[in-house]
Amino acid sequence: SLVSFLSAGLVQVAVFLAPFALVFVP
C-alpha cells in the first residue's frame, strides 16, 4: 500500500523530525 507507506512517512517527518529543524527557524 503506497498510500499507507507514504502517510506513515509523512507523519514521521512532520511530527517526529521536522520540529528538530524548526527550532532553529526564527
mmCIF file of all heavy atoms, coordinates in Angstrom:
data_MODEL
# 
_entry.id   MODEL 
# 
loop_
_atom_site.group_PDB 
_atom_site.id 
_atom_site.type_symbol 
_atom_site.label_atom_id 
_atom_site.label_alt_id 
_atom_site.label_comp_id 
_atom_site.label_asym_id 
_atom_site.label_entity_id 
_atom_site.label_seq_id 
_atom_site.pdbx_PDB_ins_code 
_atom_site.Cartn_x 
_atom_site.Cartn_y 
_atom_site.Cartn_z 
_atom_site.occupancy 
_atom_site.B_iso_or_equiv 
_atom_site.pdbx_formal_charge 
_atom_site.auth_seq_id 
_atom_site.auth_comp_id 
_atom_site.auth_asym_id 
_atom_site.auth_atom_id 
_atom_site.pdbx_PDB_model_num 
ATOM 1   N N   . SER A 1 1  ? 0.848  -1.196 0.000  1.00 0.00 ? 1  SER A N   1 
ATOM 2   C CA  . SER A 1 1  ? 0.000  0.000  0.000  1.00 0.00 ? 1  SER A CA  1 
ATOM 3   C C   . SER A 1 1  ? 0.881  1.242  0.000  1.00 0.00 ? 1  SER A C   1 
ATOM 4   O O   . SER A 1 1  ? 1.427  1.628  1.044  1.00 0.00 ? 1  SER A O   1 
ATOM 5   C CB  . SER A 1 1  ? -0.916 0.011  1.223  1.00 0.00 ? 1  SER A CB  1 
ATOM 6   O OG  . SER A 1 1  ? -1.607 1.249  1.297  1.00 0.00 ? 1  SER A OG  1 
ATOM 7   N N   . LEU A 1 2  ? 1.030  1.858  -1.165 1.00 0.00 ? 2  LEU A N   1 
ATOM 8   C CA  . LEU A 1 2  ? 1.851  3.058  -1.274 1.00 0.00 ? 2  LEU A CA  1 
ATOM 9   C C   . LEU A 1 2  ? 1.260  4.198  -0.452 1.00 0.00 ? 2  LEU A C   1 
ATOM 10  O O   . LEU A 1 2  ? 1.999  4.974  0.163  1.00 0.00 ? 2  LEU A O   1 
ATOM 11  C CB  . LEU A 1 2  ? 1.975  3.475  -2.738 1.00 0.00 ? 2  LEU A CB  1 
ATOM 12  C CG  . LEU A 1 2  ? 2.838  4.707  -3.021 1.00 0.00 ? 2  LEU A CG  1 
ATOM 13  C CD1 . LEU A 1 2  ? 4.260  4.485  -2.529 1.00 0.00 ? 2  LEU A CD1 1 
ATOM 14  C CD2 . LEU A 1 2  ? 2.826  5.035  -4.504 1.00 0.00 ? 2  LEU A CD2 1 
ATOM 15  N N   . VAL A 1 3  ? -0.065 4.300  -0.400 1.00 0.00 ? 3  VAL A N   1 
ATOM 16  C CA  . VAL A 1 3  ? -0.717 5.365  0.367  1.00 0.00 ? 3  VAL A CA  1 
ATOM 17  C C   . VAL A 1 3  ? -0.371 5.245  1.847  1.00 0.00 ? 3  VAL A C   1 
ATOM 18  O O   . VAL A 1 3  ? 0.001  6.224  2.502  1.00 0.00 ? 3  VAL A O   1 
ATOM 19  C CB  . VAL A 1 3  ? -2.241 5.332  0.161  1.00 0.00 ? 3  VAL A CB  1 
ATOM 20  C CG1 . VAL A 1 3  ? -2.936 6.314  1.100  1.00 0.00 ? 3  VAL A CG1 1 
ATOM 21  C CG2 . VAL A 1 3  ? -2.589 5.662  -1.284 1.00 0.00 ? 3  VAL A CG2 1 
ATOM 22  N N   . SER A 1 4  ? -0.478 4.034  2.397  1.00 0.00 ? 4  SER A N   1 
ATOM 23  C CA  . SER A 1 4  ? -0.170 3.829  3.812  1.00 0.00 ? 4  SER A CA  1 
ATOM 24  C C   . SER A 1 4  ? 1.305  4.092  4.095  1.00 0.00 ? 4  SER A C   1 
ATOM 25  O O   . SER A 1 4  ? 1.665  4.708  5.103  1.00 0.00 ? 4  SER A O   1 
ATOM 26  C CB  . SER A 1 4  ? -0.528 2.400  4.231  1.00 0.00 ? 4  SER A CB  1 
ATOM 27  O OG  . SER A 1 4  ? -1.910 2.177  4.103  1.00 0.00 ? 4  SER A OG  1 
ATOM 28  N N   . PHE A 1 5  ? 2.146  3.643  3.184  1.00 0.00 ? 5  PHE A N   1 
ATOM 29  C CA  . PHE A 1 5  ? 3.585  3.831  3.344  1.00 0.00 ? 5  PHE A CA  1 
ATOM 30  C C   . PHE A 1 5  ? 3.947  5.309  3.373  1.00 0.00 ? 5  PHE A C   1 
ATOM 31  O O   . PHE A 1 5  ? 4.660  5.782  4.264  1.00 0.00 ? 5  PHE A O   1 
ATOM 32  C CB  . PHE A 1 5  ? 4.302  3.121  2.194  1.00 0.00 ? 5  PHE A CB  1 
ATOM 33  C CG  . PHE A 1 5  ? 5.795  3.296  2.191  1.00 0.00 ? 5  PHE A CG  1 
ATOM 34  C CD1 . PHE A 1 5  ? 6.597  2.516  3.002  1.00 0.00 ? 5  PHE A CD1 1 
ATOM 35  C CD2 . PHE A 1 5  ? 6.398  4.228  1.357  1.00 0.00 ? 5  PHE A CD2 1 
ATOM 36  C CE1 . PHE A 1 5  ? 7.974  2.667  2.992  1.00 0.00 ? 5  PHE A CE1 1 
ATOM 37  C CE2 . PHE A 1 5  ? 7.773  4.386  1.335  1.00 0.00 ? 5  PHE A CE2 1 
ATOM 38  C CZ  . PHE A 1 5  ? 8.562  3.598  2.156  1.00 0.00 ? 5  PHE A CZ  1 
ATOM 39  N N   . LEU A 1 6  ? 3.429  6.069  2.407  1.00 0.00 ? 6  LEU A N   1 
ATOM 40  C CA  . LEU A 1 6  ? 3.728  7.497  2.330  1.00 0.00 ? 6  LEU A CA  1 
ATOM 41  C C   . LEU A 1 6  ? 3.105  8.254  3.500  1.00 0.00 ? 6  LEU A C   1 
ATOM 42  O O   . LEU A 1 6  ? 3.717  9.182  4.044  1.00 0.00 ? 6  LEU A O   1 
ATOM 43  C CB  . LEU A 1 6  ? 3.232  8.072  1.005  1.00 0.00 ? 6  LEU A CB  1 
ATOM 44  C CG  . LEU A 1 6  ? 3.972  7.590  -0.249 1.00 0.00 ? 6  LEU A CG  1 
ATOM 45  C CD1 . LEU A 1 6  ? 3.332  8.186  -1.501 1.00 0.00 ? 6  LEU A CD1 1 
ATOM 46  C CD2 . LEU A 1 6  ? 5.457  7.943  -0.186 1.00 0.00 ? 6  LEU A CD2 1 
ATOM 47  N N   . SER A 1 7  ? 1.908  7.869  3.905  1.00 0.00 ? 7  SER A N   1 
ATOM 48  C CA  . SER A 1 7  ? 1.249  8.533  5.028  1.00 0.00 ? 7  SER A CA  1 
ATOM 49  C C   . SER A 1 7  ? 2.060  8.360  6.308  1.00 0.00 ? 7  SER A C   1 
ATOM 50  O O   . SER A 1 7  ? 2.261  9.314  7.066  1.00 0.00 ? 7  SER A O   1 
ATOM 51  C CB  . SER A 1 7  ? -0.162 7.970  5.227  1.00 0.00 ? 7  SER A CB  1 
ATOM 52  O OG  . SER A 1 7  ? -0.971 8.231  4.098  1.00 0.00 ? 7  SER A OG  1 
ATOM 53  N N   . ALA A 1 8  ? 2.527  7.133  6.545  1.00 0.00 ? 8  ALA A N   1 
ATOM 54  C CA  . ALA A 1 8  ? 3.336  6.880  7.738  1.00 0.00 ? 8  ALA A CA  1 
ATOM 55  C C   . ALA A 1 8  ? 4.632  7.682  7.684  1.00 0.00 ? 8  ALA A C   1 
ATOM 56  O O   . ALA A 1 8  ? 5.072  8.246  8.698  1.00 0.00 ? 8  ALA A O   1 
ATOM 57  C CB  . ALA A 1 8  ? 3.635  5.387  7.848  1.00 0.00 ? 8  ALA A CB  1 
ATOM 58  N N   . GLY A 1 9  ? 5.241  7.751  6.505  1.00 0.00 ? 9  GLY A N   1 
ATOM 59  C CA  . GLY A 1 9  ? 6.472  8.521  6.364  1.00 0.00 ? 9  GLY A CA  1 
ATOM 60  C C   . GLY A 1 9  ? 6.255  10.001 6.607  1.00 0.00 ? 9  GLY A C   1 
ATOM 61  O O   . GLY A 1 9  ? 7.068  10.658 7.282  1.00 0.00 ? 9  GLY A O   1 
ATOM 62  N N   . LEU A 1 10 ? 5.163  10.548 6.099  1.00 0.00 ? 10 LEU A N   1 
ATOM 63  C CA  . LEU A 1 10 ? 4.861  11.975 6.297  1.00 0.00 ? 10 LEU A CA  1 
ATOM 64  C C   . LEU A 1 10 ? 4.613  12.291 7.767  1.00 0.00 ? 10 LEU A C   1 
ATOM 65  O O   . LEU A 1 10 ? 5.034  13.342 8.272  1.00 0.00 ? 10 LEU A O   1 
ATOM 66  C CB  . LEU A 1 10 ? 3.654  12.372 5.453  1.00 0.00 ? 10 LEU A CB  1 
ATOM 67  C CG  . LEU A 1 10 ? 3.897  12.457 3.942  1.00 0.00 ? 10 LEU A CG  1 
ATOM 68  C CD1 . LEU A 1 10 ? 2.581  12.698 3.202  1.00 0.00 ? 10 LEU A CD1 1 
ATOM 69  C CD2 . LEU A 1 10 ? 4.894  13.568 3.617  1.00 0.00 ? 10 LEU A CD2 1 
ATOM 70  N N   . VAL A 1 11 ? 3.935  11.391 8.467  1.00 0.00 ? 11 VAL A N   1 
ATOM 71  C CA  . VAL A 1 11 ? 3.702  11.586 9.902  1.00 0.00 ? 11 VAL A CA  1 
ATOM 72  C C   . VAL A 1 11 ? 5.037  11.593 10.654 1.00 0.00 ? 11 VAL A C   1 
ATOM 73  O O   . VAL A 1 11 ? 5.267  12.436 11.535 1.00 0.00 ? 11 VAL A O   1 
ATOM 74  C CB  . VAL A 1 11 ? 2.771  10.495 10.457 1.00 0.00 ? 11 VAL A CB  1 
ATOM 75  C CG1 . VAL A 1 11 ? 2.754  10.522 11.979 1.00 0.00 ? 11 VAL A CG1 1 
ATOM 76  C CG2 . VAL A 1 11 ? 1.362  10.688 9.920  1.00 0.00 ? 11 VAL A CG2 1 
ATOM 77  N N   . GLN A 1 12 ? 5.911  10.660 10.304 1.00 0.00 ? 12 GLN A N   1 
ATOM 78  C CA  . GLN A 1 12 ? 7.217  10.600 10.971 1.00 0.00 ? 12 GLN A CA  1 
ATOM 79  C C   . GLN A 1 12 ? 7.998  11.894 10.764 1.00 0.00 ? 12 GLN A C   1 
ATOM 80  O O   . GLN A 1 12 ? 8.594  12.436 11.696 1.00 0.00 ? 12 GLN A O   1 
ATOM 81  C CB  . GLN A 1 12 ? 8.022  9.415  10.433 1.00 0.00 ? 12 GLN A CB  1 
ATOM 82  C CG  . GLN A 1 12 ? 7.496  8.065  10.838 1.00 0.00 ? 12 GLN A CG  1 
ATOM 83  C CD  . GLN A 1 12 ? 7.588  7.821  12.329 1.00 0.00 ? 12 GLN A CD  1 
ATOM 84  O OE1 . GLN A 1 12 ? 8.591  8.145  12.969 1.00 0.00 ? 12 GLN A OE1 1 
ATOM 85  N NE2 . GLN A 1 12 ? 6.543  7.263  12.896 1.00 0.00 ? 12 GLN A NE2 1 
ATOM 86  N N   . VAL A 1 13 ? 7.990  12.393 9.526  1.00 0.00 ? 13 VAL A N   1 
ATOM 87  C CA  . VAL A 1 13 ? 8.733  13.619 9.220  1.00 0.00 ? 13 VAL A CA  1 
ATOM 88  C C   . VAL A 1 13 ? 8.110  14.820 9.923  1.00 0.00 ? 13 VAL A C   1 
ATOM 89  O O   . VAL A 1 13 ? 8.807  15.609 10.583 1.00 0.00 ? 13 VAL A O   1 
ATOM 90  C CB  . VAL A 1 13 ? 8.785  13.867 7.702  1.00 0.00 ? 13 VAL A CB  1 
ATOM 91  C CG1 . VAL A 1 13 ? 9.374  15.237 7.400  1.00 0.00 ? 13 VAL A CG1 1 
ATOM 92  C CG2 . VAL A 1 13 ? 9.621  12.786 7.026  1.00 0.00 ? 13 VAL A CG2 1 
ATOM 93  N N   . ALA A 1 14 ? 6.785  14.970 9.803  1.00 0.00 ? 14 ALA A N   1 
ATOM 94  C CA  . ALA A 1 14 ? 6.105  16.164 10.327 1.00 0.00 ? 14 ALA A CA  1 
ATOM 95  C C   . ALA A 1 14 ? 6.089  16.214 11.840 1.00 0.00 ? 14 ALA A C   1 
ATOM 96  O O   . ALA A 1 14 ? 6.284  17.281 12.436 1.00 0.00 ? 14 ALA A O   1 
ATOM 97  C CB  . ALA A 1 14 ? 4.674  16.217 9.785  1.00 0.00 ? 14 ALA A CB  1 
ATOM 98  N N   . VAL A 1 15 ? 5.885  15.078 12.480 1.00 0.00 ? 15 VAL A N   1 
ATOM 99  C CA  . VAL A 1 15 ? 5.685  15.073 13.936 1.00 0.00 ? 15 VAL A CA  1 
ATOM 100 C C   . VAL A 1 15 ? 6.973  14.804 14.701 1.00 0.00 ? 15 VAL A C   1 
ATOM 101 O O   . VAL A 1 15 ? 7.239  15.436 15.727 1.00 0.00 ? 15 VAL A O   1 
ATOM 102 C CB  . VAL A 1 15 ? 4.609  14.030 14.323 1.00 0.00 ? 15 VAL A CB  1 
ATOM 103 C CG1 . VAL A 1 15 ? 4.420  13.987 15.841 1.00 0.00 ? 15 VAL A CG1 1 
ATOM 104 C CG2 . VAL A 1 15 ? 3.291  14.352 13.636 1.00 0.00 ? 15 VAL A CG2 1 
ATOM 105 N N   . PHE A 1 16 ? 7.800  13.888 14.194 1.00 0.00 ? 16 PHE A N   1 
ATOM 106 C CA  . PHE A 1 16 ? 8.928  13.425 14.991 1.00 0.00 ? 16 PHE A CA  1 
ATOM 107 C C   . PHE A 1 16 ? 10.298 13.887 14.498 1.00 0.00 ? 16 PHE A C   1 
ATOM 108 O O   . PHE A 1 16 ? 11.295 13.637 15.160 1.00 0.00 ? 16 PHE A O   1 
ATOM 109 C CB  . PHE A 1 16 ? 8.903  11.893 15.065 1.00 0.00 ? 16 PHE A CB  1 
ATOM 110 C CG  . PHE A 1 16 ? 7.691  11.351 15.739 1.00 0.00 ? 16 PHE A CG  1 
ATOM 111 C CD1 . PHE A 1 16 ? 6.717  10.690 15.012 1.00 0.00 ? 16 PHE A CD1 1 
ATOM 112 C CD2 . PHE A 1 16 ? 7.501  11.523 17.109 1.00 0.00 ? 16 PHE A CD2 1 
ATOM 113 C CE1 . PHE A 1 16 ? 5.581  10.192 15.630 1.00 0.00 ? 16 PHE A CE1 1 
ATOM 114 C CE2 . PHE A 1 16 ? 6.376  11.028 17.740 1.00 0.00 ? 16 PHE A CE2 1 
ATOM 115 C CZ  . PHE A 1 16 ? 5.403  10.364 17.008 1.00 0.00 ? 16 PHE A CZ  1 
ATOM 116 N N   . LEU A 1 17 ? 10.348 14.549 13.327 1.00 0.00 ? 17 LEU A N   1 
ATOM 117 C CA  . LEU A 1 17 ? 11.647 15.005 12.822 1.00 0.00 ? 17 LEU A CA  1 
ATOM 118 C C   . LEU A 1 17 ? 11.677 16.503 12.547 1.00 0.00 ? 17 LEU A C   1 
ATOM 119 O O   . LEU A 1 17 ? 12.610 17.188 12.976 1.00 0.00 ? 17 LEU A O   1 
ATOM 120 C CB  . LEU A 1 17 ? 12.002 14.240 11.543 1.00 0.00 ? 17 LEU A CB  1 
ATOM 121 C CG  . LEU A 1 17 ? 13.371 14.535 10.930 1.00 0.00 ? 17 LEU A CG  1 
ATOM 122 C CD1 . LEU A 1 17 ? 14.492 14.250 11.924 1.00 0.00 ? 17 LEU A CD1 1 
ATOM 123 C CD2 . LEU A 1 17 ? 13.577 13.726 9.653  1.00 0.00 ? 17 LEU A CD2 1 
ATOM 124 N N   . ALA A 1 18 ? 10.677 17.027 11.871 1.00 0.00 ? 18 ALA A N   1 
ATOM 125 C CA  . ALA A 1 18 ? 10.668 18.443 11.485 1.00 0.00 ? 18 ALA A CA  1 
ATOM 126 C C   . ALA A 1 18 ? 10.851 19.407 12.663 1.00 0.00 ? 18 ALA A C   1 
ATOM 127 O O   . ALA A 1 18 ? 11.560 20.414 12.518 1.00 0.00 ? 18 ALA A O   1 
ATOM 128 C CB  . ALA A 1 18 ? 9.374  18.770 10.741 1.00 0.00 ? 18 ALA A CB  1 
ATOM 129 N N   . PRO A 1 19 ? 10.265 19.151 13.842 1.00 0.00 ? 19 PRO A N   1 
ATOM 130 C CA  . PRO A 1 19 ? 10.454 20.102 14.959 1.00 0.00 ? 19 PRO A CA  1 
ATOM 131 C C   . PRO A 1 19 ? 11.912 20.332 15.330 1.00 0.00 ? 19 PRO A C   1 
ATOM 132 O O   . PRO A 1 19 ? 12.267 21.429 15.788 1.00 0.00 ? 19 PRO A O   1 
ATOM 133 C CB  . PRO A 1 19 ? 9.689  19.429 16.108 1.00 0.00 ? 19 PRO A CB  1 
ATOM 134 C CG  . PRO A 1 19 ? 8.647  18.613 15.438 1.00 0.00 ? 19 PRO A CG  1 
ATOM 135 C CD  . PRO A 1 19 ? 9.304  18.088 14.197 1.00 0.00 ? 19 PRO A CD  1 
ATOM 136 N N   . PHE A 1 20 ? 12.766 19.341 15.112 1.00 0.00 ? 20 PHE A N   1 
ATOM 137 C CA  . PHE A 1 20 ? 14.179 19.497 15.457 1.00 0.00 ? 20 PHE A CA  1 
ATOM 138 C C   . PHE A 1 20 ? 14.887 20.468 14.513 1.00 0.00 ? 20 PHE A C   1 
ATOM 139 O O   . PHE A 1 20 ? 15.932 21.026 14.860 1.00 0.00 ? 20 PHE A O   1 
ATOM 140 C CB  . PHE A 1 20 ? 14.875 18.131 15.442 1.00 0.00 ? 20 PHE A CB  1 
ATOM 141 C CG  . PHE A 1 20 ? 14.448 17.234 16.565 1.00 0.00 ? 20 PHE A CG  1 
ATOM 142 C CD1 . PHE A 1 20 ? 13.324 16.439 16.447 1.00 0.00 ? 20 PHE A CD1 1 
ATOM 143 C CD2 . PHE A 1 20 ? 15.159 17.222 17.761 1.00 0.00 ? 20 PHE A CD2 1 
ATOM 144 C CE1 . PHE A 1 20 ? 12.917 15.621 17.487 1.00 0.00 ? 20 PHE A CE1 1 
ATOM 145 C CE2 . PHE A 1 20 ? 14.765 16.409 18.803 1.00 0.00 ? 20 PHE A CE2 1 
ATOM 146 C CZ  . PHE A 1 20 ? 13.628 15.613 18.675 1.00 0.00 ? 20 PHE A CZ  1 
ATOM 147 N N   . ALA A 1 21 ? 14.344 20.667 13.327 1.00 0.00 ? 21 ALA A N   1 
ATOM 148 C CA  . ALA A 1 21 ? 14.873 21.669 12.405 1.00 0.00 ? 21 ALA A CA  1 
ATOM 149 C C   . ALA A 1 21 ? 14.209 23.023 12.628 1.00 0.00 ? 21 ALA A C   1 
ATOM 150 O O   . ALA A 1 21 ? 14.857 24.074 12.558 1.00 0.00 ? 21 ALA A O   1 
ATOM 151 C CB  . ALA A 1 21 ? 14.668 21.214 10.961 1.00 0.00 ? 21 ALA A CB  1 
ATOM 152 N N   . LEU A 1 22 ? 12.909 23.004 12.942 1.00 0.00 ? 22 LEU A N   1 
ATOM 153 C CA  . LEU A 1 22 ? 12.147 24.248 13.077 1.00 0.00 ? 22 LEU A CA  1 
ATOM 154 C C   . LEU A 1 22 ? 12.545 25.059 14.304 1.00 0.00 ? 22 LEU A C   1 
ATOM 155 O O   . LEU A 1 22 ? 12.286 26.266 14.352 1.00 0.00 ? 22 LEU A O   1 
ATOM 156 C CB  . LEU A 1 22 ? 10.647 23.933 13.133 1.00 0.00 ? 22 LEU A CB  1 
ATOM 157 C CG  . LEU A 1 22 ? 10.057 23.347 11.835 1.00 0.00 ? 22 LEU A CG  1 
ATOM 158 C CD1 . LEU A 1 22 ? 8.589  22.998 12.023 1.00 0.00 ? 22 LEU A CD1 1 
ATOM 159 C CD2 . LEU A 1 22 ? 10.225 24.328 10.676 1.00 0.00 ? 22 LEU A CD2 1 
ATOM 160 N N   . VAL A 1 23 ? 13.177 24.427 15.289 1.00 0.00 ? 23 VAL A N   1 
ATOM 161 C CA  . VAL A 1 23 ? 13.611 25.195 16.467 1.00 0.00 ? 23 VAL A CA  1 
ATOM 162 C C   . VAL A 1 23 ? 14.683 26.208 16.101 1.00 0.00 ? 23 VAL A C   1 
ATOM 163 O O   . VAL A 1 23 ? 14.943 27.149 16.870 1.00 0.00 ? 23 VAL A O   1 
ATOM 164 C CB  . VAL A 1 23 ? 14.141 24.270 17.599 1.00 0.00 ? 23 VAL A CB  1 
ATOM 165 C CG1 . VAL A 1 23 ? 13.034 23.423 18.177 1.00 0.00 ? 23 VAL A CG1 1 
ATOM 166 C CG2 . VAL A 1 23 ? 15.287 23.401 17.099 1.00 0.00 ? 23 VAL A CG2 1 
ATOM 167 N N   . PHE A 1 24 ? 15.321 26.026 14.951 1.00 0.00 ? 24 PHE A N   1 
ATOM 168 C CA  . PHE A 1 24 ? 16.362 26.954 14.528 1.00 0.00 ? 24 PHE A CA  1 
ATOM 169 C C   . PHE A 1 24 ? 15.831 28.023 13.569 1.00 0.00 ? 24 PHE A C   1 
ATOM 170 O O   . PHE A 1 24 ? 16.586 28.863 13.087 1.00 0.00 ? 24 PHE A O   1 
ATOM 171 C CB  . PHE A 1 24 ? 17.510 26.189 13.854 1.00 0.00 ? 24 PHE A CB  1 
ATOM 172 C CG  . PHE A 1 24 ? 18.186 25.209 14.766 1.00 0.00 ? 24 PHE A CG  1 
ATOM 173 C CD1 . PHE A 1 24 ? 17.931 23.848 14.661 1.00 0.00 ? 24 PHE A CD1 1 
ATOM 174 C CD2 . PHE A 1 24 ? 19.070 25.655 15.744 1.00 0.00 ? 24 PHE A CD2 1 
ATOM 175 C CE1 . PHE A 1 24 ? 18.547 22.939 15.502 1.00 0.00 ? 24 PHE A CE1 1 
ATOM 176 C CE2 . PHE A 1 24 ? 19.707 24.750 16.591 1.00 0.00 ? 24 PHE A CE2 1 
ATOM 177 C CZ  . PHE A 1 24 ? 19.437 23.398 16.479 1.00 0.00 ? 24 PHE A CZ  1 
ATOM 178 N N   . VAL A 1 25 ? 14.531 27.980 13.291 1.00 0.00 ? 25 VAL A N   1 
ATOM 179 C CA  . VAL A 1 25 ? 13.920 28.936 12.369 1.00 0.00 ? 25 VAL A CA  1 
ATOM 180 C C   . VAL A 1 25 ? 13.215 30.028 13.170 1.00 0.00 ? 25 VAL A C   1 
ATOM 181 O O   . VAL A 1 25 ? 12.262 29.740 13.901 1.00 0.00 ? 25 VAL A O   1 
ATOM 182 C CB  . VAL A 1 25 ? 12.913 28.240 11.432 1.00 0.00 ? 25 VAL A CB  1 
ATOM 183 C CG1 . VAL A 1 25 ? 12.267 29.261 10.499 1.00 0.00 ? 25 VAL A CG1 1 
ATOM 184 C CG2 . VAL A 1 25 ? 13.606 27.138 10.631 1.00 0.00 ? 25 VAL A CG2 1 
ATOM 185 N N   . PRO A 1 26 ? 13.672 31.279 13.071 1.00 0.00 ? 26 PRO A N   1 
ATOM 186 C CA  . PRO A 1 26 ? 13.013 32.365 13.827 1.00 0.00 ? 26 PRO A CA  1 
ATOM 187 C C   . PRO A 1 26 ? 11.558 32.517 13.402 1.00 0.00 ? 26 PRO A C   1 
ATOM 188 O O   . PRO A 1 26 ? 11.200 32.305 12.241 1.00 0.00 ? 26 PRO A O   1 
ATOM 189 C CB  . PRO A 1 26 ? 13.833 33.606 13.438 1.00 0.00 ? 26 PRO A CB  1 
ATOM 190 C CG  . PRO A 1 26 ? 15.132 33.072 12.928 1.00 0.00 ? 26 PRO A CG  1 
ATOM 191 C CD  . PRO A 1 26 ? 14.818 31.766 12.282 1.00 0.00 ? 26 PRO A CD  1 
# 
